[in-house]
Amino acid sequence: KDTAVYYCYAYDYNDSQRTHWGQGTQVTVSS
């Protein structure tokens, strides 16, 4: 159930955009 795309997140209230996301990295847990 942890299988998902994981995204890095950053919140910077001094930046005009404030919220930022990484491109995402795939995590797959399977036997």
All heavy atoms as atom14 arrays in JSON, in Angstrom:
{
  "sequence": "KDTAVYYCYAYDYNDSQRTHWGQGTQVTVSS",
  "atom14_mask": [
    [1, 1, 1, 1, 1, 1, 1, 1, 1, 0, 0, 0, 0, 0],
    [1, 1, 1, 1, 1, 1, 1, 1, 0, 0, 0, 0, 0, 0],
    [1, 1, 1, 1, 1, 1, 1, 0, 0, 0, 0, 0, 0, 0],
    [1, 1, 1, 1, 1, 0, 0, 0, 0, 0, 0, 0, 0, 0],
    [1, 1, 1, 1, 1, 1, 1, 0, 0, 0, 0, 0, 0, 0],
    [1, 1, 1, 1, 1, 1, 1, 1, 1, 1, 1, 1, 0, 0],
    [1, 1, 1, 1, 1, 1, 1, 1, 1, 1, 1, 1, 0, 0],
    [1, 1, 1, 1, 1, 1, 0, 0, 0, 0, 0, 0, 0, 0],
    [1, 1, 1, 1, 1, 1, 1, 1, 1, 1, 1, 1, 0, 0],
    [1, 1, 1, 1, 1, 0, 0, 0, 0, 0, 0, 0, 0, 0],
    [1, 1, 1, 1, 1, 1, 1, 1, 1, 1, 1, 1, 0, 0],
    [1, 1, 1, 1, 1, 1, 1, 1, 0, 0, 0, 0, 0, 0],
    [1, 1, 1, 1, 1, 1, 1, 1, 1, 1, 1, 1, 0, 0],
    [1, 1, 1, 1, 1, 1, 1, 1, 0, 0, 0, 0, 0, 0],
    [1, 1, 1, 1, 1, 1, 1, 1, 0, 0, 0, 0, 0, 0],
    [1, 1, 1, 1, 1, 1, 0, 0, 0, 0, 0, 0, 0, 0],
    [1, 1, 1, 1, 1, 1, 1, 1, 1, 0, 0, 0, 0, 0],
    [1, 1, 1, 1, 1, 1, 1, 1, 1, 1, 1, 0, 0, 0],
    [1, 1, 1, 1, 1, 1, 1, 0, 0, 0, 0, 0, 0, 0],
    [1, 1, 1, 1, 1, 1, 1, 1, 1, 1, 0, 0, 0, 0],
    [1, 1, 1, 1, 1, 1, 1, 1, 1, 1, 1, 1, 1, 1],
    [1, 1, 1, 1, 0, 0, 0, 0, 0, 0, 0, 0, 0, 0],
    [1, 1, 1, 1, 1, 1, 1, 1, 1, 0, 0, 0, 0, 0],
    [1, 1, 1, 1, 0, 0, 0, 0, 0, 0, 0, 0, 0, 0],
    [1, 1, 1, 1, 1, 1, 1, 0, 0, 0, 0, 0, 0, 0],
    [1, 1, 1, 1, 1, 1, 1, 1, 1, 0, 0, 0, 0, 0],
    [1, 1, 1, 1, 1, 1, 1, 0, 0, 0, 0, 0, 0, 0],
    [1, 1, 1, 1, 1, 1, 1, 0, 0, 0, 0, 0, 0, 0],
    [1, 1, 1, 1, 1, 1, 1, 0, 0, 0, 0, 0, 0, 0],
    [1, 1, 1, 1, 1, 1, 0, 0, 0, 0, 0, 0, 0, 0],
    [1, 1, 1, 1, 1, 1, 0, 0, 0, 0, 0, 0, 0, 0]
  ],
  "atom14_positions": [
    [[0.8, -1.22, 0.0], [0.0, 0.0, 0.0], [0.84, 1.27, 0.0], [0.31, 2.37, -0.2], [-0.97, 0.02, 1.19], [-0.32, 0.14, 2.55], [-1.37, 0.17, 3.65], [-0.73, 0.32, 5.02], [-1.78, 0.38, 6.09], [0.0, 0.0, 0.0], [0.0, 0.0, 0.0], [0.0, 0.0, 0.0], [0.0, 0.0, 0.0], [0.0, 0.0, 0.0]],
    [[2.14, 1.15, 0.22], [3.04, 2.29, 0.12], [3.39, 2.62, -1.33], [4.04, 3.65, -1.58], [4.33, 2.04, 0.9], [4.1, 1.91, 2.4], [3.31, 2.7, 2.95], [4.71, 1.01, 3.01], [0.0, 0.0, 0.0], [0.0, 0.0, 0.0], [0.0, 0.0, 0.0], [0.0, 0.0, 0.0], [0.0, 0.0, 0.0], [0.0, 0.0, 0.0]],
    [[3.01, 1.78, -2.25], [3.3, 2.01, -3.66], [2.64, 3.3, -4.13], [1.43, 3.48, -4.01], [2.82, 0.83, -4.52], [3.55, -0.35, -4.16], [3.04, 1.11, -6.0], [0.0, 0.0, 0.0], [0.0, 0.0, 0.0], [0.0, 0.0, 0.0], [0.0, 0.0, 0.0], [0.0, 0.0, 0.0], [0.0, 0.0, 0.0], [0.0, 0.0, 0.0]],
    [[3.44, 4.21, -4.67], [2.95, 5.51, -5.1], [4.1, 6.29, -5.71], [5.27, 5.88, -5.64], [2.37, 6.29, -3.92], [0.0, 0.0, 0.0], [0.0, 0.0, 0.0], [0.0, 0.0, 0.0], [0.0, 0.0, 0.0], [0.0, 0.0, 0.0], [0.0, 0.0, 0.0], [0.0, 0.0, 0.0], [0.0, 0.0, 0.0], [0.0, 0.0, 0.0]],
    [[3.76, 7.42, -6.31], [4.77, 8.39, -6.69], [4.97, 9.33, -5.51], [4.01, 9.9, -4.99], [4.36, 9.2, -7.94], [5.42, 10.26, -8.26], [4.16, 8.27, -9.13], [0.0, 0.0, 0.0], [0.0, 0.0, 0.0], [0.0, 0.0, 0.0], [0.0, 0.0, 0.0], [0.0, 0.0, 0.0], [0.0, 0.0, 0.0], [0.0, 0.0, 0.0]],
    [[6.2, 9.46, -5.08], [6.54, 10.3, -3.94], [7.12, 11.62, -4.43], [8.03, 11.65, -5.26], [7.55, 9.58, -3.04], [6.93, 8.49, -2.21], [6.46, 7.32, -2.81], [6.8, 8.62, -0.83], [5.87, 6.33, -2.05], [6.21, 7.63, -0.07], [5.75, 6.48, -0.69], [5.17, 5.49, 0.06], [0.0, 0.0, 0.0], [0.0, 0.0, 0.0]],
    [[6.57, 12.72, -3.9], [6.95, 14.06, -4.32], [7.59, 14.82, -3.17], [7.02, 14.9, -2.08], [5.72, 14.85, -4.79], [5.04, 14.29, -6.01], [4.01, 13.38, -5.9], [5.43, 14.69, -7.29], [3.37, 12.87, -7.01], [4.8, 14.19, -8.41], [3.77, 13.28, -8.26], [3.14, 12.79, -9.38], [0.0, 0.0, 0.0], [0.0, 0.0, 0.0]],
    [[8.74, 15.38, -3.42], [9.33, 16.31, -2.48], [8.51, 17.6, -2.47], [8.01, 18.05, -3.5], [10.78, 16.6, -2.86], [11.65, 17.66, -1.68], [0.0, 0.0, 0.0], [0.0, 0.0, 0.0], [0.0, 0.0, 0.0], [0.0, 0.0, 0.0], [0.0, 0.0, 0.0], [0.0, 0.0, 0.0], [0.0, 0.0, 0.0], [0.0, 0.0, 0.0]],
    [[8.37, 18.19, -1.28], [7.55, 19.37, -1.09], [8.33, 20.42, -0.32], [9.07, 20.1, 0.62], [6.28, 18.99, -0.31], [5.5, 20.15, 0.26], [4.55, 20.81, -0.51], [5.71, 20.57, 1.57], [3.82, 21.87, 0.02], [4.99, 21.62, 2.1], [4.04, 22.27, 1.32], [3.32, 23.31, 1.85], [0.0, 0.0, 0.0], [0.0, 0.0, 0.0]],
    [[8.16, 21.67, -0.71], [8.78, 22.78, 0.01], [7.81, 23.95, 0.07], [7.13, 24.25, -0.92], [10.08, 23.21, -0.65], [0.0, 0.0, 0.0], [0.0, 0.0, 0.0], [0.0, 0.0, 0.0], [0.0, 0.0, 0.0], [0.0, 0.0, 0.0], [0.0, 0.0, 0.0], [0.0, 0.0, 0.0], [0.0, 0.0, 0.0], [0.0, 0.0, 0.0]],
    [[7.75, 24.6, 1.23], [6.95, 25.8, 1.42], [7.85, 26.91, 1.91], [8.45, 26.81, 2.98], [5.81, 25.55, 2.41], [4.88, 26.72, 2.55], [3.86, 26.94, 1.63], [5.02, 27.62, 3.6], [3.01, 28.02, 1.75], [4.17, 28.71, 3.72], [3.16, 28.9, 2.79], [2.32, 29.97, 2.91], [0.0, 0.0, 0.0], [0.0, 0.0, 0.0]],
    [[7.92, 27.97, 1.11], [8.78, 29.11, 1.41], [7.93, 30.37, 1.32], [7.64, 30.85, 0.23], [9.94, 29.16, 0.42], [10.92, 30.28, 0.71], [10.71, 31.05, 1.67], [11.93, 30.4, -0.03], [0.0, 0.0, 0.0], [0.0, 0.0, 0.0], [0.0, 0.0, 0.0], [0.0, 0.0, 0.0], [0.0, 0.0, 0.0], [0.0, 0.0, 0.0]],
    [[7.55, 30.92, 2.48], [6.65, 32.08, 2.46], [7.34, 33.36, 2.02], [6.68, 34.39, 1.84], [5.97, 32.28, 3.82], [6.87, 32.21, 5.03], [7.79, 33.19, 5.31], [6.75, 31.15, 5.93], [8.6, 33.12, 6.43], [7.55, 31.07, 7.06], [8.47, 32.06, 7.31], [9.26, 32.0, 8.43], [0.0, 0.0, 0.0], [0.0, 0.0, 0.0]],
    [[8.64, 33.33, 1.82], [9.37, 34.48, 1.29], [9.52, 34.42, -0.23], [10.06, 35.34, -0.83], [10.74, 34.6, 1.94], [10.66, 34.99, 3.39], [10.07, 36.02, 3.73], [11.26, 34.19, 4.26], [0.0, 0.0, 0.0], [0.0, 0.0, 0.0], [0.0, 0.0, 0.0], [0.0, 0.0, 0.0], [0.0, 0.0, 0.0], [0.0, 0.0, 0.0]],
    [[9.07, 33.35, -0.84], [9.1, 33.17, -2.28], [7.75, 33.53, -2.86], [6.71, 33.26, -2.26], [9.49, 31.73, -2.63], [9.74, 31.55, -4.11], [10.87, 31.76, -4.56], [8.78, 31.17, -4.82], [0.0, 0.0, 0.0], [0.0, 0.0, 0.0], [0.0, 0.0, 0.0], [0.0, 0.0, 0.0], [0.0, 0.0, 0.0], [0.0, 0.0, 0.0]],
    [[7.75, 34.11, -4.05], [6.5, 34.54, -4.66], [5.57, 33.37, -4.95], [4.34, 33.54, -4.93], [6.78, 35.33, -5.93], [7.47, 34.55, -6.88], [0.0, 0.0, 0.0], [0.0, 0.0, 0.0], [0.0, 0.0, 0.0], [0.0, 0.0, 0.0], [0.0, 0.0, 0.0], [0.0, 0.0, 0.0], [0.0, 0.0, 0.0], [0.0, 0.0, 0.0]],
    [[6.1, 32.2, -5.25], [5.29, 31.03, -5.53], [4.89, 30.26, -4.26], [3.83, 29.65, -4.23], [6.03, 30.1, -6.49], [5.22, 28.9, -6.95], [5.92, 28.13, -8.06], [6.47, 28.71, -8.99], [5.9, 26.8, -7.94], [0.0, 0.0, 0.0], [0.0, 0.0, 0.0], [0.0, 0.0, 0.0], [0.0, 0.0, 0.0], [0.0, 0.0, 0.0]],
    [[5.71, 30.31, -3.26], [5.51, 29.7, -1.94], [5.59, 28.17, -1.95], [6.43, 27.6, -1.27], [4.2, 30.17, -1.3], [4.18, 31.64, -0.95], [2.96, 31.98, -0.12], [2.98, 33.38, 0.31], [2.06, 33.94, 1.06], [1.02, 33.22, 1.48], [2.17, 35.2, 1.39], [0.0, 0.0, 0.0], [0.0, 0.0, 0.0], [0.0, 0.0, 0.0]],
    [[4.69, 27.51, -2.7], [4.64, 26.06, -2.71], [5.39, 25.51, -3.91], [5.18, 25.96, -5.04], [3.2, 25.56, -2.73], [2.52, 26.04, -1.57], [3.16, 24.03, -2.73], [0.0, 0.0, 0.0], [0.0, 0.0, 0.0], [0.0, 0.0, 0.0], [0.0, 0.0, 0.0], [0.0, 0.0, 0.0], [0.0, 0.0, 0.0], [0.0, 0.0, 0.0]],
    [[6.26, 24.52, -3.67], [7.06, 23.93, -4.73], [7.02, 22.41, -4.62], [6.95, 21.86, -3.52], [8.52, 24.4, -4.65], [8.67, 25.88, -4.73], [8.8, 26.55, -5.93], [8.69, 26.83, -3.76], [8.9, 27.85, -5.69], [8.84, 28.05, -4.39], [0.0, 0.0, 0.0], [0.0, 0.0, 0.0], [0.0, 0.0, 0.0], [0.0, 0.0, 0.0]],
    [[7.08, 21.76, -5.78], [7.05, 20.31, -5.86], [8.19, 19.79, -6.71], [8.57, 20.39, -7.72], [5.74, 19.84, -6.49], [4.52, 20.18, -5.69], [3.71, 21.25, -5.87], [3.99, 19.45, -4.58], [2.69, 21.23, -4.94], [2.84, 20.14, -4.15], [4.37, 18.27, -3.94], [2.07, 19.69, -3.08], [3.6, 17.83, -2.87], [2.46, 18.54, -2.46]],
    [[8.73, 18.64, -6.31], [9.67, 17.94, -7.15], [8.96, 17.21, -8.28], [7.73, 17.21, -8.38], [0.0, 0.0, 0.0], [0.0, 0.0, 0.0], [0.0, 0.0, 0.0], [0.0, 0.0, 0.0], [0.0, 0.0, 0.0], [0.0, 0.0, 0.0], [0.0, 0.0, 0.0], [0.0, 0.0, 0.0], [0.0, 0.0, 0.0], [0.0, 0.0, 0.0]],
    [[9.74, 16.58, -9.14], [9.17, 15.87, -10.28], [8.49, 14.57, -9.89], [7.63, 14.07, -10.62], [10.25, 15.59, -11.32], [10.8, 16.85, -11.98], [9.76, 17.58, -12.78], [9.06, 16.99, -13.62], [9.62, 18.88, -12.54], [0.0, 0.0, 0.0], [0.0, 0.0, 0.0], [0.0, 0.0, 0.0], [0.0, 0.0, 0.0], [0.0, 0.0, 0.0]],
    [[8.84, 14.02, -8.75], [8.27, 12.77, -8.28], [9.18, 11.59, -8.59], [9.84, 11.55, -9.63], [0.0, 0.0, 0.0], [0.0, 0.0, 0.0], [0.0, 0.0, 0.0], [0.0, 0.0, 0.0], [0.0, 0.0, 0.0], [0.0, 0.0, 0.0], [0.0, 0.0, 0.0], [0.0, 0.0, 0.0], [0.0, 0.0, 0.0], [0.0, 0.0, 0.0]],
    [[9.18, 10.63, -7.69], [9.95, 9.4, -7.87], [9.07, 8.21, -7.51], [8.36, 8.23, -6.51], [11.25, 9.42, -7.03], [12.02, 8.24, -7.29], [10.96, 9.52, -5.54], [0.0, 0.0, 0.0], [0.0, 0.0, 0.0], [0.0, 0.0, 0.0], [0.0, 0.0, 0.0], [0.0, 0.0, 0.0], [0.0, 0.0, 0.0], [0.0, 0.0, 0.0]],
    [[9.11, 7.19, -8.34], [8.23, 6.03, -8.17], [8.78, 5.09, -7.11], [9.96, 4.71, -7.15], [8.08, 5.28, -9.5], [7.22, 4.02, -9.41], [5.76, 4.32, -9.2], [5.2, 5.19, -9.87], [5.14, 3.62, -8.25], [0.0, 0.0, 0.0], [0.0, 0.0, 0.0], [0.0, 0.0, 0.0], [0.0, 0.0, 0.0], [0.0, 0.0, 0.0]],
    [[7.91, 4.7, -6.19], [8.21, 3.66, -5.22], [7.21, 2.53, -5.43], [6.0, 2.74, -5.36], [8.12, 4.18, -3.77], [8.23, 3.03, -2.77], [9.2, 5.22, -3.52], [0.0, 0.0, 0.0], [0.0, 0.0, 0.0], [0.0, 0.0, 0.0], [0.0, 0.0, 0.0], [0.0, 0.0, 0.0], [0.0, 0.0, 0.0], [0.0, 0.0, 0.0]],
    [[7.72, 1.34, -5.72], [6.87, 0.18, -5.95], [7.27, -0.92, -4.98], [8.44, -1.31, -4.92], [7.0, -0.33, -7.39], [6.63, 0.71, -8.3], [6.08, -1.53, -7.61], [0.0, 0.0, 0.0], [0.0, 0.0, 0.0], [0.0, 0.0, 0.0], [0.0, 0.0, 0.0], [0.0, 0.0, 0.0], [0.0, 0.0, 0.0], [0.0, 0.0, 0.0]],
    [[6.3, -1.41, -4.22], [6.51, -2.48, -3.25], [5.73, -3.69, -3.71], [4.49, -3.7, -3.69], [6.09, -2.06, -1.84], [6.45, -3.15, -0.83], [6.75, -0.74, -1.45], [0.0, 0.0, 0.0], [0.0, 0.0, 0.0], [0.0, 0.0, 0.0], [0.0, 0.0, 0.0], [0.0, 0.0, 0.0], [0.0, 0.0, 0.0], [0.0, 0.0, 0.0]],
    [[6.44, -4.72, -4.15], [5.79, -5.88, -4.73], [6.7, -7.09, -4.62], [7.92, -6.98, -4.71], [5.45, -5.64, -6.2], [4.82, -6.77, -6.78], [0.0, 0.0, 0.0], [0.0, 0.0, 0.0], [0.0, 0.0, 0.0], [0.0, 0.0, 0.0], [0.0, 0.0, 0.0], [0.0, 0.0, 0.0], [0.0, 0.0, 0.0], [0.0, 0.0, 0.0]],
    [[6.09, -8.26, -4.41], [6.85, -9.49, -4.33], [6.84, -10.23, -5.66], [6.0, -9.98, -6.53], [6.29, -10.4, -3.23], [4.94, -10.72, -3.47], [0.0, 0.0, 0.0], [0.0, 0.0, 0.0], [0.0, 0.0, 0.0], [0.0, 0.0, 0.0], [0.0, 0.0, 0.0], [0.0, 0.0, 0.0], [0.0, 0.0, 0.0], [0.0, 0.0, 0.0]]
  ]
}
